[in-house]
């Protein structure tokens, strides 16, 4: 009698476990089904070309003649090329200046446009437009603004002051900084949105307590605001680091690397090597080096972020 009663109970227990296992498997599979189209597109258009580029960087690519293995010769040639070395310097100057300029301007905009008023929402939307406008379109607009005669927008203003006209894009000493100004204008609104999200989480009672203690505005920013938005600042810094190293469209549209190579950056140099000189192996090697440097800097920034949070 006991054995007869125990068997259905055990069977029901096994059935519940089987149903639970099927439900668990279903819950585990469904998210992957939704992710599958995006993962497939990333595999075909991102990861496979990336792997192919790494593979080609070890070859002398000769279409219709067969690729020839040359090992690290492409890397040696790229790293020893003085034009690539100049491009590294331009990339660092442009990336550092553009990144910190966009962060500072984005922080200032976030402080000015923080709040729930409807007018501020409209202003934030208007200010954010450069970040969602195609960079090629923005570049053409800035080309018109930088027009080298007195008919250009900026030179017209300088003419009223008795100055100019200034050759913003044709002067090797000014072209890189003119490109930097456009990059700051594009990415500052993007940084502003992230920093606004960080400011929304700041405890307002801290501001009230600081005001009662007679703390100055600068001290409130230094000791209350900045520590509270540190996570948002680290996100902005990480993204700015990656963008600064991979800058391409702004330079390509605005100056094309000129004049006389004064704005040639790493990406434009690799593009020229691959699509103008048909040196696919060298361009692949240059891209792989840039990928490694980007990964290294990203890891370093994340390490510093975690170390700061631990403190």
C-alpha atoms as a PDB file:
ATOM      1  CA  UNK A   1       0.000   0.000   0.000  1.00  0.00           C
ATOM      2  CA  UNK A   2       2.795   2.380   0.891  1.00  0.00           C
ATOM      3  CA  UNK A   3       4.725   1.580  -2.289  1.00  0.00           C
ATOM      4  CA  UNK A   4       1.575   2.138  -4.369  1.00  0.00           C
ATOM      5  CA  UNK A   5       0.969   5.569  -2.799  1.00  0.00           C
ATOM      6  CA  UNK A   6       4.612   6.594  -3.091  1.00  0.00           C
ATOM      7  CA  UNK A   7       4.874   5.900  -6.843  1.00  0.00           C
ATOM      8  CA  UNK A   8       2.311   8.550  -7.992  1.00  0.00           C
ATOM      9  CA  UNK A   9       3.872  11.086  -5.627  1.00  0.00           C
ATOM     10  CA  UNK A  10       7.326  10.437  -7.063  1.00  0.00           C
ATOM     11  CA  UNK A  11       5.924  10.582 -10.587  1.00  0.00           C
ATOM     12  CA  UNK A  12       4.264  13.932  -9.886  1.00  0.00           C
ATOM     13  CA  UNK A  13       7.559  15.209  -8.490  1.00  0.00           C
ATOM     14  CA  UNK A  14       9.397  14.144 -11.633  1.00  0.00           C
ATOM     15  CA  UNK A  15       6.708  15.731 -13.817  1.00  0.00           C
ATOM     16  CA  UNK A  16       7.032  19.051 -11.961  1.00  0.00           C
ATOM     17  CA  UNK A  17      10.805  18.979 -12.384  1.00  0.00           C
ATOM     18  CA  UNK A  18      10.445  18.264 -16.103  1.00  0.00           C
ATOM     19  CA  UNK A  19       7.945  21.114 -16.541  1.00  0.00           C
ATOM     20  CA  UNK A  20      10.213  23.454 -14.583  1.00  0.00           C
ATOM     21  CA  UNK A  21      13.191  22.411 -16.709  1.00  0.00           C
ATOM     22  CA  UNK A  22      11.259  23.067 -19.929  1.00  0.00           C
ATOM     23  CA  UNK A  23      10.118  26.470 -18.634  1.00  0.00           C
ATOM     24  CA  UNK A  24      13.694  27.328 -17.672  1.00  0.00           C
ATOM     25  CA  UNK A  25      14.981  26.311 -21.088  1.00  0.00           C
ATOM     26  CA  UNK A  26      12.259  28.356 -22.771  1.00  0.00           C
ATOM     27  CA  UNK A  27      13.124  31.433 -20.707  1.00  0.00           C
ATOM     28  CA  UNK A  28      16.793  30.971 -21.530  1.00  0.00           C
ATOM     29  CA  UNK A  29      16.207  30.585 -25.275  1.00  0.00           C
ATOM     30  CA  UNK A  30      13.716  33.406 -25.908  1.00  0.00           C
ATOM     31  CA  UNK A  31      16.176  36.299 -25.265  1.00  0.00           C
ATOM     32  CA  UNK A  32      18.679  34.726 -27.641  1.00  0.00           C
ATOM     33  CA  UNK A  33      15.988  34.509 -30.327  1.00  0.00           C
ATOM     34  CA  UNK A  34      15.453  38.262 -30.060  1.00  0.00           C
ATOM     35  CA  UNK A  35      19.215  38.880 -30.092  1.00  0.00           C
ATOM     36  CA  UNK A  36      19.865  36.543 -33.031  1.00  0.00           C
ATOM     37  CA  UNK A  37      19.189  39.070 -35.883  1.00  0.00           C
ATOM     38  CA  UNK A  38      21.463  41.688 -34.317  1.00  0.00           C
ATOM     39  CA  UNK A  39      24.157  39.133 -33.551  1.00  0.00           C
ATOM     40  CA  UNK A  40      23.985  37.821 -37.115  1.00  0.00           C
ATOM     41  CA  UNK A  41      24.358  41.327 -38.563  1.00  0.00           C
ATOM     42  CA  UNK A  42      27.264  42.049 -36.197  1.00  0.00           C
ATOM     43  CA  UNK A  43      28.918  38.779 -37.184  1.00  0.00           C
ATOM     44  CA  UNK A  44      28.603  39.416 -40.922  1.00  0.00           C
ATOM     45  CA  UNK A  45      29.323  43.138 -41.037  1.00  0.00           C
ATOM     46  CA  UNK A  46      31.602  43.659 -38.029  1.00  0.00           C
ATOM     47  CA  UNK A  47      33.335  40.653 -36.522  1.00  0.00           C
ATOM     48  CA  UNK A  48      34.007  38.753 -39.749  1.00  0.00           C
ATOM     49  CA  UNK A  49      35.502  41.832 -41.528  1.00  0.00           C
ATOM     50  CA  UNK A  50      37.523  42.512 -38.366  1.00  0.00           C
ATOM     51  CA  UNK A  51      38.931  38.995 -38.370  1.00  0.00           C
ATOM     52  CA  UNK A  52      39.591  39.243 -42.115  1.00  0.00           C
ATOM     53  CA  UNK A  53      41.428  42.524 -41.632  1.00  0.00           C
ATOM     54  CA  UNK A  54      43.649  41.018 -38.934  1.00  0.00           C
ATOM     55  CA  UNK A  55      44.406  38.095 -41.256  1.00  0.00           C
ATOM     56  CA  UNK A  56      45.236  40.364 -44.232  1.00  0.00           C
ATOM     57  CA  UNK A  57      47.590  42.466 -42.115  1.00  0.00           C
ATOM     58  CA  UNK A  58      50.126  39.621 -42.334  1.00  0.00           C
ATOM     59  CA  UNK A  59      49.996  39.445 -46.151  1.00  0.00           C
ATOM     60  CA  UNK A  60      51.115  41.368 -49.170  1.00  0.00           C
ATOM     61  CA  UNK A  61      47.658  41.554 -50.736  1.00  0.00           C
ATOM     62  CA  UNK A  62      47.870  41.150 -54.518  1.00  0.00           C
ATOM     63  CA  UNK A  63      44.466  40.850 -56.202  1.00  0.00           C
ATOM     64  CA  UNK A  64      44.314  38.217 -58.972  1.00  0.00           C
ATOM     65  CA  UNK A  65      47.953  37.248 -58.256  1.00  0.00           C
ATOM     66  CA  UNK A  66      47.551  35.611 -54.869  1.00  0.00           C
ATOM     67  CA  UNK A  67      48.353  36.973 -51.429  1.00  0.00           C
ATOM     68  CA  UNK A  68      51.890  36.479 -50.148  1.00  0.00           C
ATOM     69  CA  UNK A  69      52.671  35.909 -46.469  1.00  0.00           C
ATOM     70  CA  UNK A  70      55.089  38.549 -45.142  1.00  0.00           C
ATOM     71  CA  UNK A  71      54.532  38.260 -41.393  1.00  0.00           C
ATOM     72  CA  UNK A  72      55.043  41.494 -39.436  1.00  0.00           C
ATOM     73  CA  UNK A  73      56.524  43.475 -42.329  1.00  0.00           C
ATOM     74  CA  UNK A  74      53.353  45.532 -42.748  1.00  0.00           C
ATOM     75  CA  UNK A  75      53.418  46.527 -39.072  1.00  0.00           C
ATOM     76  CA  UNK A  76      57.094  47.449 -39.241  1.00  0.00           C
ATOM     77  CA  UNK A  77      56.529  49.516 -42.372  1.00  0.00           C
ATOM     78  CA  UNK A  78      53.544  51.338 -40.912  1.00  0.00           C
ATOM     79  CA  UNK A  79      55.136  52.132 -37.557  1.00  0.00           C
ATOM     80  CA  UNK A  80      58.360  53.356 -39.178  1.00  0.00           C
ATOM     81  CA  UNK A  81      56.608  55.552 -41.761  1.00  0.00           C
ATOM     82  CA  UNK A  82      57.157  59.218 -40.839  1.00  0.00           C
ATOM     83  CA  UNK A  83      53.753  60.172 -42.250  1.00  0.00           C
ATOM     84  CA  UNK A  84      52.066  57.701 -39.934  1.00  0.00           C
ATOM     85  CA  UNK A  85      54.143  59.044 -37.065  1.00  0.00           C
ATOM     86  CA  UNK A  86      52.976  62.569 -37.896  1.00  0.00           C
ATOM     87  CA  UNK A  87      49.425  61.246 -38.095  1.00  0.00           C
ATOM     88  CA  UNK A  88      49.784  59.807 -34.577  1.00  0.00           C
ATOM     89  CA  UNK A  89      50.773  63.235 -33.277  1.00  0.00           C
ATOM     90  CA  UNK A  90      47.825  64.893 -35.036  1.00  0.00           C
ATOM     91  CA  UNK A  91      45.478  62.217 -33.698  1.00  0.00           C
ATOM     92  CA  UNK A  92      46.637  62.794 -30.123  1.00  0.00           C
ATOM     93  CA  UNK A  93      46.356  66.579 -30.377  1.00  0.00           C
ATOM     94  CA  UNK A  94      42.955  66.430 -32.034  1.00  0.00           C
ATOM     95  CA  UNK A  95      41.633  63.650 -29.804  1.00  0.00           C
ATOM     96  CA  UNK A  96      42.758  65.179 -26.507  1.00  0.00           C
ATOM     97  CA  UNK A  97      41.649  68.705 -27.394  1.00  0.00           C
ATOM     98  CA  UNK A  98      38.345  67.593 -28.867  1.00  0.00           C
ATOM     99  CA  UNK A  99      37.570  65.209 -25.985  1.00  0.00           C
ATOM    100  CA  UNK A 100      38.292  67.596 -23.119  1.00  0.00           C
ATOM    101  CA  UNK A 101      36.728  70.540 -24.941  1.00  0.00           C
ATOM    102  CA  UNK A 102      33.531  68.584 -25.558  1.00  0.00           C
ATOM    103  CA  UNK A 103      33.452  67.349 -21.949  1.00  0.00           C
ATOM    104  CA  UNK A 104      33.904  70.842 -20.499  1.00  0.00           C
ATOM    105  CA  UNK A 105      31.349  72.407 -22.841  1.00  0.00           C
ATOM    106  CA  UNK A 106      28.935  69.519 -22.291  1.00  0.00           C
ATOM    107  CA  UNK A 107      29.268  69.930 -18.513  1.00  0.00           C
ATOM    108  CA  UNK A 108      28.625  73.667 -18.770  1.00  0.00           C
ATOM    109  CA  UNK A 109      25.552  73.052 -20.950  1.00  0.00           C
ATOM    110  CA  UNK A 110      24.285  70.412 -18.523  1.00  0.00           C
ATOM    111  CA  UNK A 111      24.562  72.856 -15.615  1.00  0.00           C
ATOM    112  CA  UNK A 112      22.804  75.601 -17.571  1.00  0.00           C
ATOM    113  CA  UNK A 113      19.987  73.426 -18.938  1.00  0.00           C
ATOM    114  CA  UNK A 114      19.294  71.281 -15.882  1.00  0.00           C
ATOM    115  CA  UNK A 115      15.693  71.437 -14.676  1.00  0.00           C
ATOM    116  CA  UNK A 116      12.129  70.388 -15.441  1.00  0.00           C
ATOM    117  CA  UNK A 117      10.819  73.577 -17.060  1.00  0.00           C
ATOM    118  CA  UNK A 118       9.247  73.090 -20.477  1.00  0.00           C
ATOM    119  CA  UNK A 119      11.382  75.839 -21.994  1.00  0.00           C
ATOM    120  CA  UNK A 120      14.503  73.991 -20.861  1.00  0.00           C
ATOM    121  CA  UNK A 121      13.289  70.792 -22.538  1.00  0.00           C
ATOM    122  CA  UNK A 122      12.897  72.690 -25.814  1.00  0.00           C
ATOM    123  CA  UNK A 123      16.349  74.214 -25.433  1.00  0.00           C
ATOM    124  CA  UNK A 124      17.896  70.812 -24.665  1.00  0.00           C
ATOM    125  CA  UNK A 125      16.302  69.385 -27.795  1.00  0.00           C
ATOM    126  CA  UNK A 126      17.657  72.248 -29.905  1.00  0.00           C
ATOM    127  CA  UNK A 127      21.128  71.977 -28.396  1.00  0.00           C
ATOM    128  CA  UNK A 128      21.200  68.208 -28.968  1.00  0.00           C
ATOM    129  CA  UNK A 129      20.553  68.497 -32.725  1.00  0.00           C
ATOM    130  CA  UNK A 130      24.264  68.545 -33.757  1.00  0.00           C
ATOM    131  CA  UNK A 131      24.768  65.126 -32.137  1.00  0.00           C
ATOM    132  CA  UNK A 132      22.038  63.509 -34.264  1.00  0.00           C
ATOM    133  CA  UNK A 133      22.867  65.303 -37.512  1.00  0.00           C
ATOM    134  CA  UNK A 134      24.981  63.406 -40.036  1.00  0.00           C
ATOM    135  CA  UNK A 135      28.638  64.364 -39.598  1.00  0.00           C
ATOM    136  CA  UNK A 136      29.017  64.799 -43.351  1.00  0.00           C
ATOM    137  CA  UNK A 137      26.246  67.416 -43.323  1.00  0.00           C
ATOM    138  CA  UNK A 138      27.783  69.177 -40.330  1.00  0.00           C
ATOM    139  CA  UNK A 139      31.148  69.173 -42.081  1.00  0.00           C
ATOM    140  CA  UNK A 140      29.716  70.874 -45.161  1.00  0.00           C
ATOM    141  CA  UNK A 141      28.036  73.505 -42.990  1.00  0.00           C
ATOM    142  CA  UNK A 142      31.311  74.246 -41.230  1.00  0.00           C
ATOM    143  CA  UNK A 143      33.094  74.421 -44.567  1.00  0.00           C
ATOM    144  CA  UNK A 144      30.719  77.246 -45.500  1.00  0.00           C
ATOM    145  CA  UNK A 145      31.305  78.902 -42.123  1.00  0.00           C
ATOM    146  CA  UNK A 146      35.072  78.673 -42.666  1.00  0.00           C
ATOM    147  CA  UNK A 147      34.854  80.046 -46.233  1.00  0.00           C
ATOM    148  CA  UNK A 148      38.217  81.786 -46.717  1.00  0.00           C
ATOM    149  CA  UNK A 149      36.923  85.079 -48.143  1.00  0.00           C
ATOM    150  CA  UNK A 150      35.069  87.913 -46.430  1.00  0.00           C
ATOM    151  CA  UNK A 151      31.804  86.305 -47.608  1.00  0.00           C
ATOM    152  CA  UNK A 152      32.200  83.440 -45.132  1.00  0.00           C
ATOM    153  CA  UNK A 153      30.189  83.536 -41.923  1.00  0.00           C
ATOM    154  CA  UNK A 154      33.130  83.703 -39.516  1.00  0.00           C
ATOM    155  CA  UNK A 155      35.182  85.958 -41.749  1.00  0.00           C
ATOM    156  CA  UNK A 156      32.212  88.310 -42.069  1.00  0.00           C
ATOM    157  CA  UNK A 157      32.210  88.729 -38.297  1.00  0.00           C
ATOM    158  CA  UNK A 158      35.971  89.226 -38.280  1.00  0.00           C
ATOM    159  CA  UNK A 159      35.589  91.813 -41.078  1.00  0.00           C
ATOM    160  CA  UNK A 160      33.293  93.864 -38.854  1.00  0.00           C
ATOM    161  CA  UNK A 161      36.084  93.906 -36.269  1.00  0.00           C
ATOM    162  CA  UNK A 162      38.611  94.980 -38.865  1.00  0.00           C
ATOM    163  CA  UNK A 163      40.251  91.546 -38.987  1.00  0.00           C
ATOM    164  CA  UNK A 164      40.658  88.775 -41.526  1.00  0.00           C
ATOM    165  CA  UNK A 165      39.942  87.148 -43.739  1.00  0.00           C
ATOM    166  CA  UNK A 166      41.468  84.119 -42.024  1.00  0.00           C
ATOM    167  CA  UNK A 167      42.336  80.958 -43.920  1.00  0.00           C
ATOM    168  CA  UNK A 168      40.880  78.552 -41.376  1.00  0.00           C
ATOM    169  CA  UNK A 169      41.234  75.394 -43.481  1.00  0.00           C
ATOM    170  CA  UNK A 170      44.015  76.402 -45.865  1.00  0.00           C
ATOM    171  CA  UNK A 171      46.506  77.425 -43.195  1.00  0.00           C
ATOM    172  CA  UNK A 172      48.513  74.411 -41.902  1.00  0.00           C
ATOM    173  CA  UNK A 173      48.845  76.116 -38.511  1.00  0.00           C
ATOM    174  CA  UNK A 174      45.081  76.573 -38.085  1.00  0.00           C
ATOM    175  CA  UNK A 175      43.464  73.677 -39.950  1.00  0.00           C
ATOM    176  CA  UNK A 176      43.804  71.109 -37.148  1.00  0.00           C
ATOM    177  CA  UNK A 177      42.372  73.469 -34.526  1.00  0.00           C
ATOM    178  CA  UNK A 178      39.547  74.473 -36.853  1.00  0.00           C
ATOM    179  CA  UNK A 179      38.661  70.804 -37.187  1.00  0.00           C
ATOM    180  CA  UNK A 180      38.878  70.459 -33.402  1.00  0.00           C
ATOM    181  CA  UNK A 181      36.336  73.260 -32.956  1.00  0.00           C
ATOM    182  CA  UNK A 182      33.845  71.434 -35.172  1.00  0.00           C
ATOM    183  CA  UNK A 183      34.374  68.192 -33.234  1.00  0.00           C
ATOM    184  CA  UNK A 184      33.729  69.949 -29.926  1.00  0.00           C
ATOM    185  CA  UNK A 185      30.535  71.451 -31.339  1.00  0.00           C
ATOM    186  CA  UNK A 186      29.319  68.021 -32.475  1.00  0.00           C
ATOM    187  CA  UNK A 187      30.056  65.992 -29.348  1.00  0.00           C
ATOM    188  CA  UNK A 188      29.403  68.473 -26.527  1.00  0.00           C
ATOM    189  CA  UNK A 189      25.594  67.988 -26.736  1.00  0.00           C
ATOM    190  CA  UNK A 190      26.060  64.215 -26.587  1.00  0.00           C
ATOM    191  CA  UNK A 191      28.116  64.566 -23.422  1.00  0.00           C
ATOM    192  CA  UNK A 192      25.538  67.006 -22.073  1.00  0.00           C
ATOM    193  CA  UNK A 193      22.771  64.377 -22.161  1.00  0.00           C
ATOM    194  CA  UNK A 194      24.844  61.828 -20.230  1.00  0.00           C
ATOM    195  CA  UNK A 195      25.894  64.420 -17.657  1.00  0.00           C
ATOM    196  CA  UNK A 196      22.295  65.590 -17.275  1.00  0.00           C
ATOM    197  CA  UNK A 197      21.369  62.026 -16.354  1.00  0.00           C
ATOM    198  CA  UNK A 198      24.119  62.117 -13.733  1.00  0.00           C
ATOM    199  CA  UNK A 199      22.971  65.479 -12.372  1.00  0.00           C
ATOM    200  CA  UNK A 200      19.420  64.162 -12.014  1.00  0.00           C
ATOM    201  CA  UNK A 201      20.675  61.711  -9.391  1.00  0.00           C
ATOM    202  CA  UNK A 202      22.375  64.299  -7.177  1.00  0.00           C
ATOM    203  CA  UNK A 203      20.755  64.634  -3.745  1.00  0.00           C
ATOM    204  CA  UNK A 204      19.272  68.159  -3.586  1.00  0.00           C
ATOM    205  CA  UNK A 205      19.569  68.264   0.185  1.00  0.00           C
ATOM    206  CA  UNK A 206      23.333  68.436  -0.254  1.00  0.00           C
ATOM    207  CA  UNK A 207      22.947  71.686  -2.202  1.00  0.00           C
ATOM    208  CA  UNK A 208      20.642  73.089   0.471  1.00  0.00           C
ATOM    209  CA  UNK A 209      23.064  72.161   3.240  1.00  0.00           C
ATOM    210  CA  UNK A 210      25.951  73.702   1.311  1.00  0.00           C
ATOM    211  CA  UNK A 211      23.984  76.916   0.744  1.00  0.00           C
ATOM    212  CA  UNK A 212      23.184  77.171   4.456  1.00  0.00           C
ATOM    213  CA  UNK A 213      26.881  76.787   5.255  1.00  0.00           C
ATOM    214  CA  UNK A 214      27.750  79.641   2.894  1.00  0.00           C
ATOM    215  CA  UNK A 215      29.673  77.455   0.471  1.00  0.00           C
ATOM    216  CA  UNK A 216      30.624  79.176  -2.789  1.00  0.00           C
ATOM    217  CA  UNK A 217      29.477  77.995  -6.211  1.00  0.00           C
ATOM    218  CA  UNK A 218      32.902  76.626  -7.110  1.00  0.00           C
ATOM    219  CA  UNK A 219      33.120  74.699  -3.840  1.00  0.00           C
ATOM    220  CA  UNK A 220      29.675  73.190  -4.449  1.00  0.00           C
ATOM    221  CA  UNK A 221      30.791  72.045  -7.890  1.00  0.00           C
ATOM    222  CA  UNK A 222      34.067  70.691  -6.525  1.00  0.00           C
ATOM    223  CA  UNK A 223      32.825  68.867  -3.434  1.00  0.00           C
ATOM    224  CA  UNK A 224      29.183  68.043  -4.209  1.00  0.00           C
ATOM    225  CA  UNK A 225      28.454  67.928  -7.931  1.00  0.00           C
ATOM    226  CA  UNK A 226      31.616  66.355  -9.345  1.00  0.00           C
ATOM    227  CA  UNK A 227      31.812  63.452  -6.855  1.00  0.00           C
ATOM    228  CA  UNK A 228      28.109  62.717  -7.380  1.00  0.00           C
ATOM    229  CA  UNK A 229      28.361  62.529 -11.176  1.00  0.00           C
ATOM    230  CA  UNK A 230      31.685  60.653 -11.274  1.00  0.00           C
ATOM    231  CA  UNK A 231      30.129  57.528 -12.901  1.00  0.00           C
ATOM    232  CA  UNK A 232      28.624  59.646 -15.690  1.00  0.00           C
ATOM    233  CA  UNK A 233      31.936  61.471 -16.141  1.00  0.00           C
ATOM    234  CA  UNK A 234      33.816  58.188 -16.498  1.00  0.00           C
ATOM    235  CA  UNK A 235      31.350  56.984 -19.138  1.00  0.00           C
ATOM    236  CA  UNK A 236      31.798  60.236 -21.045  1.00  0.00           C
ATOM    237  CA  UNK A 237      35.581  59.995 -20.732  1.00  0.00           C
ATOM    238  CA  UNK A 238      35.612  56.395 -22.013  1.00  0.00           C
ATOM    239  CA  UNK A 239      33.474  57.255 -25.044  1.00  0.00           C
ATOM    240  CA  UNK A 240      35.507  60.394 -25.732  1.00  0.00           C
ATOM    241  CA  UNK A 241      38.750  58.390 -25.630  1.00  0.00           C
ATOM    242  CA  UNK A 242      37.453  55.946 -28.230  1.00  0.00           C
ATOM    243  CA  UNK A 243      36.077  58.718 -30.449  1.00  0.00           C
ATOM    244  CA  UNK A 244      39.293  60.718 -30.198  1.00  0.00           C
ATOM    245  CA  UNK A 245      41.408  57.860 -31.515  1.00  0.00           C
ATOM    246  CA  UNK A 246      38.949  56.872 -34.244  1.00  0.00           C
ATOM    247  CA  UNK A 247      38.245  60.371 -35.550  1.00  0.00           C
ATOM    248  CA  UNK A 248      37.777  60.223 -39.310  1.00  0.00           C
ATOM    249  CA  UNK A 249      34.620  61.743 -40.771  1.00  0.00           C
ATOM    250  CA  UNK A 250      35.216  65.233 -39.395  1.00  0.00           C
ATOM    251  CA  UNK A 251      38.698  65.383 -40.900  1.00  0.00           C
ATOM    252  CA  UNK A 252      37.815  63.661 -44.164  1.00  0.00           C
ATOM    253  CA  UNK A 253      34.852  65.937 -44.892  1.00  0.00           C
ATOM    254  CA  UNK A 254      36.414  69.173 -43.702  1.00  0.00           C
ATOM    255  CA  UNK A 255      40.018  68.982 -44.910  1.00  0.00           C
ATOM    256  CA  UNK A 256      40.677  65.510 -46.333  1.00  0.00           C
ATOM    257  CA  UNK A 257      43.897  65.453 -44.328  1.00  0.00           C
ATOM    258  CA  UNK A 258      45.273  68.659 -45.809  1.00  0.00           C
ATOM    259  CA  UNK A 259      46.693  71.142 -46.263  1.00  0.00           C
ATOM    260  CA  UNK A 260      50.090  69.495 -46.687  1.00  0.00           C
ATOM    261  CA  UNK A 261      49.090  66.672 -44.349  1.00  0.00           C
ATOM    262  CA  UNK A 262      48.634  69.032 -41.387  1.00  0.00           C
ATOM    263  CA  UNK A 263      45.337  67.377 -40.392  1.00  0.00           C
ATOM    264  CA  UNK A 264      46.176  63.844 -41.470  1.00  0.00           C
ATOM    265  CA  UNK A 265      45.130  61.524 -38.621  1.00  0.00           C
ATOM    266  CA  UNK A 266      45.564  57.783 -38.152  1.00  0.00           C
ATOM    267  CA  UNK A 267      42.255  56.824 -39.750  1.00  0.00           C
ATOM    268  CA  UNK A 268      42.581  59.107 -42.772  1.00  0.00           C
ATOM    269  CA  UNK A 269      46.127  57.839 -43.326  1.00  0.00           C
ATOM    270  CA  UNK A 270      44.956  54.221 -43.213  1.00  0.00           C
ATOM    271  CA  UNK A 271      42.090  55.100 -45.571  1.00  0.00           C
ATOM    272  CA  UNK A 272      44.481  56.716 -48.043  1.00  0.00           C
ATOM    273  CA  UNK A 273      46.823  53.755 -47.861  1.00  0.00           C
ATOM    274  CA  UNK A 274      44.074  51.235 -48.492  1.00  0.00           C
ATOM    275  CA  UNK A 275      41.774  52.951 -50.981  1.00  0.00           C
ATOM    276  CA  UNK A 276      44.135  55.313 -52.815  1.00  0.00           C
ATOM    277  CA  UNK A 277      47.348  53.304 -52.928  1.00  0.00           C
ATOM    278  CA  UNK A 278      45.633  49.893 -52.861  1.00  0.00           C
ATOM    279  CA  UNK A 279      47.933  48.762 -50.054  1.00  0.00           C
ATOM    280  CA  UNK A 280      45.349  46.617 -48.292  1.00  0.00           C
ATOM    281  CA  UNK A 281      47.912  44.847 -46.117  1.00  0.00           C
ATOM    282  CA  UNK A 282      49.394  48.085 -44.805  1.00  0.00           C
ATOM    283  CA  UNK A 283      45.968  49.617 -44.186  1.00  0.00           C
ATOM    284  CA  UNK A 284      44.900  46.477 -42.320  1.00  0.00           C
ATOM    285  CA  UNK A 285      48.027  46.613 -40.163  1.00  0.00           C
ATOM    286  CA  UNK A 286      47.386  50.276 -39.351  1.00  0.00           C
ATOM    287  CA  UNK A 287      43.791  49.470 -38.399  1.00  0.00           C
ATOM    288  CA  UNK A 288      44.854  46.568 -36.178  1.00  0.00           C
ATOM    289  CA  UNK A 289      47.352  48.782 -34.346  1.00  0.00           C
ATOM    290  CA  UNK A 290      44.620  51.369 -33.799  1.00  0.00           C
ATOM    291  CA  UNK A 291      42.287  48.646 -32.512  1.00  0.00           C
ATOM    292  CA  UNK A 292      44.893  47.449 -30.009  1.00  0.00           C
ATOM    293  CA  UNK A 293      45.599  50.977 -28.766  1.00  0.00           C
ATOM    294  CA  UNK A 294      41.867  51.665 -28.408  1.00  0.00           C
ATOM    295  CA  UNK A 295      41.333  48.484 -26.408  1.00  0.00           C
ATOM    296  CA  UNK A 296      44.315  49.265 -24.198  1.00  0.00           C
ATOM    297  CA  UNK A 297      43.115  52.793 -23.415  1.00  0.00           C
ATOM    298  CA  UNK A 298      39.570  51.568 -22.786  1.00  0.00           C
ATOM    299  CA  UNK A 299      40.836  48.984 -20.299  1.00  0.00           C
ATOM    300  CA  UNK A 300      42.977  51.629 -18.584  1.00  0.00           C
ATOM    301  CA  UNK A 301      40.061  54.059 -18.276  1.00  0.00           C
ATOM    302  CA  UNK A 302      37.805  51.335 -16.854  1.00  0.00           C
ATOM    303  CA  UNK A 303      40.529  50.337 -14.396  1.00  0.00           C
ATOM    304  CA  UNK A 304      40.870  53.924 -13.206  1.00  0.00           C
ATOM    305  CA  UNK A 305      37.081  54.173 -12.929  1.00  0.00           C
ATOM    306  CA  UNK A 306      36.826  51.054 -10.750  1.00  0.00           C
ATOM    307  CA  UNK A 307      39.775  52.193  -8.661  1.00  0.00           C
ATOM    308  CA  UNK A 308      38.091  55.551  -8.098  1.00  0.00           C
ATOM    309  CA  UNK A 309      34.803  53.887  -7.122  1.00  0.00           C
ATOM    310  CA  UNK A 310      36.629  51.621  -4.675  1.00  0.00           C
ATOM    311  CA  UNK A 311      37.950  54.681  -2.875  1.00  0.00           C
END
